Amino acid sequence: MCVCVCVCVCLCVSNPQVKTFNDADFLKQLELAIQYGFPFLFENLDEYIDPVIDPVLEKNFLPTNNGKLIIKLGDKEVSYVC
């Protein structure tokens, strides 16, 4: 079964990053996509979805004192660009 989850949607839909959980750099690439507003797509998902991306799927953005949004991704806090 092939399931795709679009994690970060932005206005520029060209050239999305396409990764699977088996890719060694998926977390770093997801971090960069969130930080710079690039589209990102997970492909070939089974029933298991890595819990490290739960805050992204649940849109758990946290406001900072300077008005920016961050999201916790693993042990990092990543600035969110909308």
C-alpha atoms as a PDB file:
ATOM      1  CA  MET A   1       0.000   0.000   0.000  1.00  0.00           C
ATOM      2  CA  CYS A   2       1.365   3.411  -0.935  1.00  0.00           C
ATOM      3  CA  VAL A   3       0.319   6.413   1.111  1.00  0.00           C
ATOM      4  CA  CYS A   4       1.687   9.925   0.618  1.00  0.00           C
ATOM      5  CA  VAL A   5       1.593  12.584   3.292  1.00  0.00           C
ATOM      6  CA  CYS A   6       2.198  16.179   2.316  1.00  0.00           C
ATOM      7  CA  VAL A   7       3.866  17.696   5.342  1.00  0.00           C
ATOM      8  CA  CYS A   8       4.527  21.277   4.401  1.00  0.00           C
ATOM      9  CA  VAL A   9       2.406  23.073   1.846  1.00  0.00           C
ATOM     10  CA  CYS A  10       3.533  26.360   0.378  1.00  0.00           C
ATOM     11  CA  LEU A  11       2.554  28.505  -2.570  1.00  0.00           C
ATOM     12  CA  CYS A  12       5.496  27.423  -4.711  1.00  0.00           C
ATOM     13  CA  VAL A  13       4.715  23.787  -5.466  1.00  0.00           C
ATOM     14  CA  SER A  14       7.610  23.184  -7.806  1.00  0.00           C
ATOM     15  CA  ASN A  15      10.259  20.591  -6.978  1.00  0.00           C
ATOM     16  CA  PRO A  16       9.069  19.227  -3.642  1.00  0.00           C
ATOM     17  CA  GLN A  17      11.511  17.238  -1.523  1.00  0.00           C
ATOM     18  CA  VAL A  18      10.337  13.620  -1.705  1.00  0.00           C
ATOM     19  CA  LYS A  19      11.640  11.318   1.027  1.00  0.00           C
ATOM     20  CA  THR A  20      10.811   8.101   2.849  1.00  0.00           C
ATOM     21  CA  PHE A  21      11.456   7.232   6.474  1.00  0.00           C
ATOM     22  CA  ASN A  22      14.202   4.917   5.210  1.00  0.00           C
ATOM     23  CA  ASP A  23      16.233   7.853   3.886  1.00  0.00           C
ATOM     24  CA  ALA A  24      19.050   8.660   6.288  1.00  0.00           C
ATOM     25  CA  ASP A  25      18.630  12.406   5.843  1.00  0.00           C
ATOM     26  CA  PHE A  26      14.819  12.672   5.973  1.00  0.00           C
ATOM     27  CA  LEU A  27      14.813  14.532   9.294  1.00  0.00           C
ATOM     28  CA  LYS A  28      17.405  17.085   8.185  1.00  0.00           C
ATOM     29  CA  GLN A  29      15.603  17.645   4.873  1.00  0.00           C
ATOM     30  CA  LEU A  30      12.264  18.058   6.668  1.00  0.00           C
ATOM     31  CA  GLU A  31      13.891  20.559   9.030  1.00  0.00           C
ATOM     32  CA  LEU A  32      15.201  22.586   6.073  1.00  0.00           C
ATOM     33  CA  ALA A  33      11.812  22.446   4.321  1.00  0.00           C
ATOM     34  CA  ILE A  34      10.079  23.825   7.411  1.00  0.00           C
ATOM     35  CA  GLN A  35      12.764  26.425   8.007  1.00  0.00           C
ATOM     36  CA  TYR A  36      12.802  27.766   4.433  1.00  0.00           C
ATOM     37  CA  GLY A  37       9.213  27.077   3.371  1.00  0.00           C
ATOM     38  CA  PHE A  38       9.946  24.374   0.795  1.00  0.00           C
ATOM     39  CA  PRO A  39       7.332  21.738  -0.049  1.00  0.00           C
ATOM     40  CA  PHE A  40       8.045  18.296   1.394  1.00  0.00           C
ATOM     41  CA  LEU A  41       6.438  14.948   0.675  1.00  0.00           C
ATOM     42  CA  PHE A  42       6.786  11.583   2.397  1.00  0.00           C
ATOM     43  CA  GLU A  43       6.175   8.621   0.110  1.00  0.00           C
ATOM     44  CA  ASN A  44       5.835   4.858   0.515  1.00  0.00           C
ATOM     45  CA  LEU A  45       4.419   5.037   4.018  1.00  0.00           C
ATOM     46  CA  ASP A  46       3.160   1.886   5.634  1.00  0.00           C
ATOM     47  CA  GLU A  47       1.044   1.811   8.763  1.00  0.00           C
ATOM     48  CA  TYR A  48       3.981   3.131  10.790  1.00  0.00           C
ATOM     49  CA  ILE A  49       4.615   6.874  10.804  1.00  0.00           C
ATOM     50  CA  ASP A  50       7.665   8.017  12.743  1.00  0.00           C
ATOM     51  CA  PRO A  51       6.459   9.897  15.855  1.00  0.00           C
ATOM     52  CA  VAL A  52       9.180  12.510  15.360  1.00  0.00           C
ATOM     53  CA  ILE A  53       6.935  14.188  12.761  1.00  0.00           C
ATOM     54  CA  ASP A  54       3.804  14.203  14.957  1.00  0.00           C
ATOM     55  CA  PRO A  55       4.242  17.893  15.896  1.00  0.00           C
ATOM     56  CA  VAL A  56       4.297  18.753  12.188  1.00  0.00           C
ATOM     57  CA  LEU A  57       1.238  16.662  11.341  1.00  0.00           C
ATOM     58  CA  GLU A  58      -0.615  18.093  14.353  1.00  0.00           C
ATOM     59  CA  LYS A  59       0.558  21.645  13.523  1.00  0.00           C
ATOM     60  CA  ASN A  60       1.915  22.194  17.037  1.00  0.00           C
ATOM     61  CA  PHE A  61       3.514  25.557  16.332  1.00  0.00           C
ATOM     62  CA  LEU A  62       4.698  27.561  19.308  1.00  0.00           C
ATOM     63  CA  PRO A  63       4.921  31.368  19.260  1.00  0.00           C
ATOM     64  CA  THR A  64       8.158  32.984  20.413  1.00  0.00           C
ATOM     65  CA  ASN A  65       8.566  36.325  22.174  1.00  0.00           C
ATOM     66  CA  ASN A  66       9.531  38.027  18.914  1.00  0.00           C
ATOM     67  CA  GLY A  67       6.364  36.903  17.108  1.00  0.00           C
ATOM     68  CA  LYS A  68       7.862  34.041  15.114  1.00  0.00           C
ATOM     69  CA  LEU A  69       6.619  30.476  15.158  1.00  0.00           C
ATOM     70  CA  ILE A  70       8.724  27.449  16.007  1.00  0.00           C
ATOM     71  CA  ILE A  71       8.008  23.750  15.950  1.00  0.00           C
ATOM     72  CA  LYS A  72       9.749  21.015  17.922  1.00  0.00           C
ATOM     73  CA  LEU A  73      11.250  18.454  15.567  1.00  0.00           C
ATOM     74  CA  GLY A  74      13.046  15.738  17.465  1.00  0.00           C
ATOM     75  CA  ASP A  75      15.371  17.505  19.893  1.00  0.00           C
ATOM     76  CA  LYS A  76      15.499  20.723  17.829  1.00  0.00           C
ATOM     77  CA  GLU A  77      13.306  23.780  17.728  1.00  0.00           C
ATOM     78  CA  VAL A  78      12.886  24.832  14.099  1.00  0.00           C
ATOM     79  CA  SER A  79      11.704  28.262  12.960  1.00  0.00           C
ATOM     80  CA  TYR A  80       8.626  28.002  10.781  1.00  0.00           C
ATOM     81  CA  VAL A  81       8.344  30.061   7.619  1.00  0.00           C
ATOM     82  CA  CYS A  82       4.871  30.444   6.204  1.00  0.00           C
END
